[in-house]
Amino acid sequence: MIAISAISHVPRNTLWLSRAARSAARRTSEVLGDSLLRHYAEALEEIAQTGFVDYWMREFRPYLRAAAELFAPATPTLTERLLKRL
């Protein structure tokens, strides 16, 4: 009963805002979902054309290179760079 009473005392603009937010969230999820699924479909098509290994190497090479450079002994750590500034 308290919840029903509280709803009846909520200003009309708050109810409108709640409905608008729900509508915006629904539309955003539709747009995001559509673009994500479209990307997946395009990626799967490209994998089928180029082969998984070639696709994987092309997509992950920058990340693997960055990780290798990050852990390379010649690369100064964040702590080393901060201490050099001081």
N, C-alpha and C. Protein backbone atom coordinates (compact mmCIF):
# COMPACT_ATOMS: atom_id res chain seq x y z
N MET A 1 0.82 -1.18 0.00
CA MET A 1 0.00 0.00 0.00
C MET A 1 0.88 1.26 0.00
N ILE A 2 2.00 1.21 0.70
CA ILE A 2 2.86 2.38 0.75
C ILE A 2 3.40 2.69 -0.64
N ALA A 3 3.78 1.65 -1.40
CA ALA A 3 4.30 1.86 -2.75
C ALA A 3 3.24 2.49 -3.64
N ILE A 4 2.02 2.02 -3.57
CA ILE A 4 0.94 2.61 -4.38
C ILE A 4 0.71 4.05 -3.97
N SER A 5 0.74 4.31 -2.70
CA SER A 5 0.58 5.68 -2.21
C SER A 5 1.71 6.57 -2.69
N ALA A 6 2.94 6.04 -2.67
CA ALA A 6 4.09 6.84 -3.10
C ALA A 6 3.99 7.18 -4.58
N ILE A 7 3.54 6.22 -5.39
CA ILE A 7 3.41 6.48 -6.82
C ILE A 7 2.39 7.57 -7.09
N SER A 8 1.32 7.57 -6.34
CA SER A 8 0.29 8.59 -6.57
C SER A 8 0.76 9.98 -6.15
N HIS A 9 1.80 10.05 -5.33
CA HIS A 9 2.30 11.35 -4.88
C HIS A 9 3.53 11.82 -5.67
N VAL A 10 3.99 11.01 -6.61
CA VAL A 10 5.14 11.40 -7.43
C VAL A 10 4.67 12.43 -8.45
N PRO A 11 5.41 13.52 -8.61
CA PRO A 11 5.00 14.53 -9.59
C PRO A 11 4.94 13.94 -11.00
N ARG A 12 4.05 14.47 -11.83
CA ARG A 12 3.87 13.97 -13.19
C ARG A 12 5.16 14.05 -14.00
N ASN A 13 5.95 15.10 -13.83
CA ASN A 13 7.17 15.21 -14.63
C ASN A 13 8.19 14.13 -14.27
N THR A 14 8.16 13.65 -13.03
CA THR A 14 9.05 12.57 -12.63
C THR A 14 8.63 11.27 -13.32
N LEU A 15 7.35 11.03 -13.40
CA LEU A 15 6.86 9.85 -14.11
C LEU A 15 7.22 9.93 -15.59
N TRP A 16 7.06 11.12 -16.19
CA TRP A 16 7.42 11.30 -17.59
C TRP A 16 8.91 11.05 -17.79
N LEU A 17 9.74 11.57 -16.89
CA LEU A 17 11.18 11.38 -16.98
C LEU A 17 11.54 9.90 -16.87
N SER A 18 10.86 9.18 -15.99
CA SER A 18 11.10 7.75 -15.84
C SER A 18 10.76 7.01 -17.12
N ARG A 19 9.62 7.35 -17.72
CA ARG A 19 9.24 6.71 -18.98
C ARG A 19 10.22 7.06 -20.09
N ALA A 20 10.65 8.32 -20.14
CA ALA A 20 11.60 8.74 -21.17
C ALA A 20 12.94 8.02 -21.01
N ALA A 21 13.39 7.87 -19.78
CA ALA A 21 14.66 7.16 -19.53
C ALA A 21 14.55 5.70 -19.94
N ARG A 22 13.43 5.09 -19.65
CA ARG A 22 13.23 3.69 -20.03
C ARG A 22 13.22 3.55 -21.55
N SER A 23 12.55 4.48 -22.22
CA SER A 23 12.49 4.46 -23.69
C SER A 23 13.88 4.68 -24.29
N ALA A 24 14.64 5.61 -23.72
CA ALA A 24 16.00 5.87 -24.21
C ALA A 24 16.90 4.66 -24.00
N ALA A 25 16.78 4.01 -22.86
CA ALA A 25 17.60 2.82 -22.60
C ALA A 25 17.24 1.71 -23.57
N ARG A 26 15.97 1.54 -23.85
CA ARG A 26 15.55 0.50 -24.79
C ARG A 26 16.09 0.80 -26.18
N ARG A 27 16.00 2.05 -26.62
CA ARG A 27 16.48 2.42 -27.96
C ARG A 27 18.00 2.28 -28.05
N THR A 28 18.70 2.69 -27.00
CA THR A 28 20.16 2.57 -26.98
C THR A 28 20.58 1.11 -27.08
N SER A 29 19.90 0.25 -26.35
CA SER A 29 20.26 -1.17 -26.40
C SER A 29 19.97 -1.75 -27.78
N GLU A 30 18.91 -1.28 -28.45
CA GLU A 30 18.62 -1.75 -29.80
C GLU A 30 19.72 -1.33 -30.77
N VAL A 31 20.13 -0.06 -30.70
CA VAL A 31 21.16 0.45 -31.60
C VAL A 31 22.49 -0.24 -31.33
N LEU A 32 22.85 -0.33 -30.07
CA LEU A 32 24.11 -0.97 -29.70
C LEU A 32 24.10 -2.45 -30.08
N GLY A 33 23.00 -3.12 -29.80
CA GLY A 33 22.89 -4.53 -30.14
C GLY A 33 22.98 -4.76 -31.63
N ASP A 34 22.30 -3.92 -32.41
CA ASP A 34 22.34 -4.05 -33.87
C ASP A 34 23.76 -3.86 -34.40
N SER A 35 24.45 -2.83 -33.92
CA SER A 35 25.80 -2.58 -34.43
C SER A 35 26.76 -3.68 -34.00
N LEU A 36 26.59 -4.18 -32.79
CA LEU A 36 27.46 -5.26 -32.30
C LEU A 36 27.23 -6.54 -33.10
N LEU A 37 25.98 -6.88 -33.34
CA LEU A 37 25.68 -8.07 -34.12
C LEU A 37 26.15 -7.92 -35.57
N ARG A 38 26.02 -6.72 -36.12
CA ARG A 38 26.50 -6.48 -37.48
C ARG A 38 28.01 -6.68 -37.56
N HIS A 39 28.73 -6.17 -36.54
CA HIS A 39 30.18 -6.35 -36.51
C HIS A 39 30.54 -7.83 -36.41
N TYR A 40 29.84 -8.56 -35.56
CA TYR A 40 30.11 -10.00 -35.43
C TYR A 40 29.90 -10.71 -36.76
N ALA A 41 28.82 -10.37 -37.45
CA ALA A 41 28.53 -11.01 -38.74
C ALA A 41 29.62 -10.70 -39.75
N GLU A 42 30.07 -9.44 -39.79
CA GLU A 42 31.13 -9.05 -40.72
C GLU A 42 32.44 -9.75 -40.36
N ALA A 43 32.74 -9.84 -39.08
CA ALA A 43 33.98 -10.50 -38.64
C ALA A 43 33.94 -11.98 -38.99
N LEU A 44 32.81 -12.63 -38.77
CA LEU A 44 32.70 -14.05 -39.11
C LEU A 44 32.85 -14.27 -40.61
N GLU A 45 32.30 -13.37 -41.40
CA GLU A 45 32.43 -13.47 -42.85
C GLU A 45 33.90 -13.31 -43.27
N GLU A 46 34.56 -12.34 -42.63
CA GLU A 46 35.98 -12.12 -42.95
C GLU A 46 36.84 -13.31 -42.52
N ILE A 47 36.53 -13.89 -41.37
CA ILE A 47 37.26 -15.08 -40.91
C ILE A 47 37.08 -16.23 -41.90
N ALA A 48 35.86 -16.36 -42.41
CA ALA A 48 35.60 -17.43 -43.38
C ALA A 48 36.39 -17.21 -44.67
N GLN A 49 36.60 -15.94 -45.04
CA GLN A 49 37.33 -15.65 -46.28
C GLN A 49 38.84 -15.73 -46.10
N THR A 50 39.36 -15.19 -45.00
CA THR A 50 40.81 -15.12 -44.83
C THR A 50 41.40 -16.28 -44.05
N GLY A 51 40.58 -16.94 -43.24
CA GLY A 51 41.08 -17.99 -42.37
C GLY A 51 41.29 -17.44 -40.96
N PHE A 52 41.08 -18.31 -40.00
CA PHE A 52 41.13 -17.88 -38.61
C PHE A 52 42.51 -17.38 -38.20
N VAL A 53 43.55 -18.11 -38.55
CA VAL A 53 44.91 -17.76 -38.10
C VAL A 53 45.32 -16.41 -38.67
N ASP A 54 45.09 -16.17 -39.96
CA ASP A 54 45.44 -14.87 -40.55
C ASP A 54 44.65 -13.73 -39.91
N TYR A 55 43.37 -13.95 -39.68
CA TYR A 55 42.53 -12.93 -39.05
C TYR A 55 43.02 -12.65 -37.63
N TRP A 56 43.28 -13.72 -36.88
CA TRP A 56 43.73 -13.57 -35.49
C TRP A 56 45.05 -12.81 -35.43
N MET A 57 45.99 -13.18 -36.30
CA MET A 57 47.30 -12.52 -36.29
C MET A 57 47.15 -11.04 -36.62
N ARG A 58 46.34 -10.70 -37.58
CA ARG A 58 46.17 -9.30 -37.95
C ARG A 58 45.51 -8.50 -36.83
N GLU A 59 44.50 -9.09 -36.20
CA GLU A 59 43.75 -8.36 -35.17
C GLU A 59 44.52 -8.23 -33.85
N PHE A 60 45.29 -9.24 -33.49
CA PHE A 60 45.93 -9.24 -32.18
C PHE A 60 47.40 -8.85 -32.20
N ARG A 61 48.00 -8.72 -33.37
CA ARG A 61 49.41 -8.36 -33.44
C ARG A 61 49.72 -7.06 -32.69
N PRO A 62 48.94 -5.98 -32.85
CA PRO A 62 49.27 -4.76 -32.09
C PRO A 62 49.23 -4.96 -30.58
N TYR A 63 48.28 -5.76 -30.09
CA TYR A 63 48.18 -6.00 -28.65
C TYR A 63 49.34 -6.86 -28.15
N LEU A 64 49.70 -7.85 -28.93
CA LEU A 64 50.82 -8.71 -28.54
C LEU A 64 52.13 -7.93 -28.55
N ARG A 65 52.30 -7.06 -29.56
CA ARG A 65 53.51 -6.24 -29.63
C ARG A 65 53.57 -5.29 -28.43
N ALA A 66 52.46 -4.67 -28.10
CA ALA A 66 52.43 -3.75 -26.96
C ALA A 66 52.73 -4.49 -25.66
N ALA A 67 52.19 -5.69 -25.50
CA ALA A 67 52.46 -6.46 -24.29
C ALA A 67 53.92 -6.85 -24.20
N ALA A 68 54.51 -7.23 -25.34
CA ALA A 68 55.92 -7.61 -25.34
C ALA A 68 56.79 -6.40 -24.99
N GLU A 69 56.45 -5.23 -25.53
CA GLU A 69 57.23 -4.03 -25.22
C GLU A 69 57.07 -3.63 -23.76
N LEU A 70 55.88 -3.85 -23.23
CA LEU A 70 55.62 -3.49 -21.84
C LEU A 70 56.50 -4.28 -20.88
N PHE A 71 56.72 -5.55 -21.19
CA PHE A 71 57.51 -6.40 -20.30
C PHE A 71 58.97 -6.52 -20.72
N ALA A 72 59.38 -5.78 -21.72
CA ALA A 72 60.77 -5.82 -22.16
C ALA A 72 61.66 -5.18 -21.08
N PRO A 73 62.80 -5.78 -20.78
CA PRO A 73 63.69 -5.23 -19.75
C PRO A 73 64.16 -3.80 -20.07
N ALA A 74 64.27 -3.46 -21.34
CA ALA A 74 64.73 -2.13 -21.72
C ALA A 74 63.68 -1.05 -21.48
N THR A 75 62.43 -1.43 -21.34
CA THR A 75 61.34 -0.46 -21.14
C THR A 75 61.28 -0.07 -19.67
N PRO A 76 61.41 1.23 -19.38
CA PRO A 76 61.33 1.65 -17.97
C PRO A 76 59.90 1.49 -17.43
N THR A 77 59.79 1.12 -16.17
CA THR A 77 58.48 0.96 -15.55
C THR A 77 57.91 2.33 -15.21
N LEU A 78 56.65 2.36 -14.86
CA LEU A 78 56.01 3.61 -14.46
C LEU A 78 56.72 4.18 -13.23
N THR A 79 57.07 3.33 -12.30
CA THR A 79 57.78 3.79 -11.10
C THR A 79 59.12 4.42 -11.46
N GLU A 80 59.86 3.79 -12.36
CA GLU A 80 61.15 4.35 -12.79
C GLU A 80 60.96 5.71 -13.45
N ARG A 81 59.95 5.85 -14.27
CA ARG A 81 59.71 7.14 -14.94
C ARG A 81 59.33 8.21 -13.94
N LEU A 82 58.51 7.85 -12.94
CA LEU A 82 58.11 8.82 -11.91
C LEU A 82 59.31 9.23 -11.06
N LEU A 83 60.17 8.27 -10.71
CA LEU A 83 61.35 8.60 -9.90
C LEU A 83 62.33 9.48 -10.67
N LYS A 84 62.43 9.30 -11.97
CA LYS A 84 63.33 10.15 -12.77
C LYS A 84 62.84 11.59 -12.79
N ARG A 85 61.54 11.79 -12.76
CA ARG A 85 60.99 13.14 -12.76
C ARG A 85 61.28 13.85 -11.45
N LEU A 86 61.32 13.08 -10.37
CA LEU A 86 61.56 13.69 -9.06
C LEU A 86 63.03 13.95 -8.89
